[in-house]
Amino acid sequence: MPTPSISLSLAIAGSHSALAAVAHLACIAIGPQAYRFMGAGERMARAVEAALESGSGL
């Protein structure tokens, strides 16, 4: 049986992983502004804008 400190560490790691997944999904849903806010860079944000304008985005 895991010790309480190990269980707490796993719970914290799992919650951080879930938050990172939600942040990535938010970037996809919100668009270029979210990519810029999250620090993906201007090149990535422009690529998303181009994909959305061409109709190949989500």
N, C-alpha and C. Protein backbone atom coordinates (compact mmCIF):
# COMPACT_ATOMS: atom_id res chain seq x y z
N MET A 1 0.85 -1.19 0.00
CA MET A 1 0.00 0.00 0.00
C MET A 1 0.89 1.24 0.00
N PRO A 2 0.62 2.20 -0.92
CA PRO A 2 1.47 3.39 -0.99
C PRO A 2 1.32 4.25 0.26
N THR A 3 2.40 4.93 0.56
CA THR A 3 2.37 5.83 1.71
C THR A 3 1.58 7.08 1.34
N PRO A 4 1.07 7.80 2.34
CA PRO A 4 0.28 9.01 2.05
C PRO A 4 1.04 10.06 1.26
N SER A 5 2.34 10.20 1.49
CA SER A 5 3.10 11.21 0.75
C SER A 5 3.23 10.85 -0.72
N ILE A 6 3.36 9.57 -1.02
CA ILE A 6 3.42 9.15 -2.42
C ILE A 6 2.07 9.37 -3.09
N SER A 7 1.00 9.03 -2.38
CA SER A 7 -0.34 9.24 -2.95
C SER A 7 -0.60 10.72 -3.21
N LEU A 8 -0.18 11.57 -2.29
CA LEU A 8 -0.35 13.01 -2.48
C LEU A 8 0.46 13.49 -3.68
N SER A 9 1.68 13.01 -3.81
CA SER A 9 2.52 13.39 -4.94
C SER A 9 1.89 12.97 -6.26
N LEU A 10 1.34 11.77 -6.30
CA LEU A 10 0.68 11.30 -7.52
C LEU A 10 -0.57 12.11 -7.82
N ALA A 11 -1.31 12.48 -6.80
CA ALA A 11 -2.51 13.29 -7.00
C ALA A 11 -2.16 14.67 -7.53
N ILE A 12 -1.11 15.27 -7.00
CA ILE A 12 -0.66 16.58 -7.47
C ILE A 12 -0.16 16.49 -8.91
N ALA A 13 0.64 15.47 -9.21
CA ALA A 13 1.14 15.29 -10.57
C ALA A 13 0.00 15.06 -11.55
N GLY A 14 -0.97 14.27 -11.15
CA GLY A 14 -2.12 14.00 -12.01
C GLY A 14 -2.94 15.24 -12.27
N SER A 15 -3.14 16.04 -11.24
CA SER A 15 -3.92 17.27 -11.43
C SER A 15 -3.19 18.27 -12.32
N HIS A 16 -1.87 18.34 -12.20
CA HIS A 16 -1.09 19.23 -13.07
C HIS A 16 -1.15 18.75 -14.52
N SER A 17 -1.11 17.46 -14.70
CA SER A 17 -1.22 16.90 -16.04
C SER A 17 -2.59 17.22 -16.66
N ALA A 18 -3.63 17.10 -15.85
CA ALA A 18 -4.98 17.42 -16.33
C ALA A 18 -5.10 18.90 -16.68
N LEU A 19 -4.51 19.77 -15.87
CA LEU A 19 -4.55 21.21 -16.17
C LEU A 19 -3.81 21.53 -17.46
N ALA A 20 -2.69 20.85 -17.69
CA ALA A 20 -1.94 21.07 -18.93
C ALA A 20 -2.77 20.62 -20.14
N ALA A 21 -3.48 19.52 -20.00
CA ALA A 21 -4.33 19.04 -21.10
C ALA A 21 -5.45 20.04 -21.40
N VAL A 22 -6.06 20.58 -20.35
CA VAL A 22 -7.12 21.57 -20.53
C VAL A 22 -6.57 22.83 -21.19
N ALA A 23 -5.37 23.24 -20.80
CA ALA A 23 -4.75 24.43 -21.41
C ALA A 23 -4.51 24.21 -22.90
N HIS A 24 -4.06 23.02 -23.27
CA HIS A 24 -3.84 22.72 -24.69
C HIS A 24 -5.15 22.71 -25.47
N LEU A 25 -6.18 22.15 -24.89
CA LEU A 25 -7.49 22.14 -25.55
C LEU A 25 -8.04 23.56 -25.69
N ALA A 26 -7.78 24.39 -24.68
CA ALA A 26 -8.23 25.78 -24.75
C ALA A 26 -7.55 26.51 -25.90
N CYS A 27 -6.28 26.23 -26.13
CA CYS A 27 -5.58 26.86 -27.26
C CYS A 27 -6.26 26.50 -28.56
N ILE A 28 -6.64 25.25 -28.72
CA ILE A 28 -7.30 24.82 -29.94
C ILE A 28 -8.66 25.50 -30.08
N ALA A 29 -9.40 25.56 -28.99
CA ALA A 29 -10.76 26.11 -29.03
C ALA A 29 -10.77 27.62 -29.21
N ILE A 30 -9.86 28.32 -28.54
CA ILE A 30 -9.87 29.79 -28.56
C ILE A 30 -9.21 30.33 -29.82
N GLY A 31 -8.12 29.73 -30.22
CA GLY A 31 -7.46 30.16 -31.45
C GLY A 31 -6.14 30.88 -31.22
N PRO A 32 -5.74 31.67 -32.20
CA PRO A 32 -4.42 32.30 -32.19
C PRO A 32 -4.12 33.14 -30.95
N GLN A 33 -5.14 33.82 -30.41
CA GLN A 33 -4.91 34.64 -29.22
C GLN A 33 -4.42 33.78 -28.05
N ALA A 34 -4.99 32.59 -27.92
CA ALA A 34 -4.58 31.70 -26.83
C ALA A 34 -3.16 31.19 -27.04
N TYR A 35 -2.80 30.91 -28.28
CA TYR A 35 -1.43 30.47 -28.56
C TYR A 35 -0.44 31.55 -28.16
N ARG A 36 -0.76 32.80 -28.48
CA ARG A 36 0.13 33.90 -28.09
C ARG A 36 0.20 34.04 -26.58
N PHE A 37 -0.96 33.97 -25.92
CA PHE A 37 -1.01 34.10 -24.46
C PHE A 37 -0.20 33.02 -23.77
N MET A 38 -0.27 31.80 -24.30
CA MET A 38 0.44 30.67 -23.68
C MET A 38 1.92 30.63 -24.05
N GLY A 39 2.36 31.55 -24.91
CA GLY A 39 3.78 31.64 -25.23
C GLY A 39 4.24 30.75 -26.36
N ALA A 40 3.33 30.34 -27.23
CA ALA A 40 3.71 29.46 -28.33
C ALA A 40 4.53 30.18 -29.40
N GLY A 41 4.44 31.49 -29.43
CA GLY A 41 5.22 32.26 -30.39
C GLY A 41 4.38 32.76 -31.55
N GLU A 42 4.86 33.80 -32.14
CA GLU A 42 4.14 34.45 -33.23
C GLU A 42 4.04 33.54 -34.46
N ARG A 43 5.09 32.79 -34.72
CA ARG A 43 5.07 31.89 -35.90
C ARG A 43 3.95 30.87 -35.79
N MET A 44 3.78 30.29 -34.61
CA MET A 44 2.72 29.30 -34.41
C MET A 44 1.35 29.96 -34.50
N ALA A 45 1.19 31.14 -33.90
CA ALA A 45 -0.09 31.84 -33.95
C ALA A 45 -0.46 32.20 -35.39
N ARG A 46 0.51 32.62 -36.17
CA ARG A 46 0.23 32.94 -37.57
C ARG A 46 -0.12 31.69 -38.37
N ALA A 47 0.50 30.57 -38.04
CA ALA A 47 0.16 29.31 -38.72
C ALA A 47 -1.29 28.92 -38.42
N VAL A 48 -1.72 29.12 -37.19
CA VAL A 48 -3.10 28.83 -36.83
C VAL A 48 -4.05 29.76 -37.56
N GLU A 49 -3.70 31.05 -37.61
CA GLU A 49 -4.53 32.00 -38.34
C GLU A 49 -4.66 31.61 -39.81
N ALA A 50 -3.55 31.22 -40.42
CA ALA A 50 -3.57 30.83 -41.83
C ALA A 50 -4.44 29.59 -42.04
N ALA A 51 -4.35 28.64 -41.12
CA ALA A 51 -5.16 27.43 -41.24
C ALA A 51 -6.64 27.75 -41.10
N LEU A 52 -6.97 28.65 -40.18
CA LEU A 52 -8.37 29.02 -40.01
C LEU A 52 -8.90 29.77 -41.22
N GLU A 53 -8.08 30.64 -41.80
CA GLU A 53 -8.52 31.40 -42.96
C GLU A 53 -8.70 30.51 -44.20
N SER A 54 -7.87 29.47 -44.30
CA SER A 54 -7.97 28.60 -45.47
C SER A 54 -9.07 27.55 -45.33
N GLY A 55 -9.63 27.47 -44.14
CA GLY A 55 -10.71 26.50 -43.92
C GLY A 55 -10.23 25.13 -43.50
N SER A 56 -8.93 24.98 -43.28
CA SER A 56 -8.42 23.67 -42.88
C SER A 56 -8.33 23.54 -41.35
N GLY A 57 -8.81 24.55 -40.62
CA GLY A 57 -8.81 24.49 -39.16
C GLY A 57 -9.99 23.66 -38.64
N LEU A 58 -10.08 23.59 -37.34
CA LEU A 58 -11.16 22.80 -36.73
C LEU A 58 -12.49 23.49 -36.88
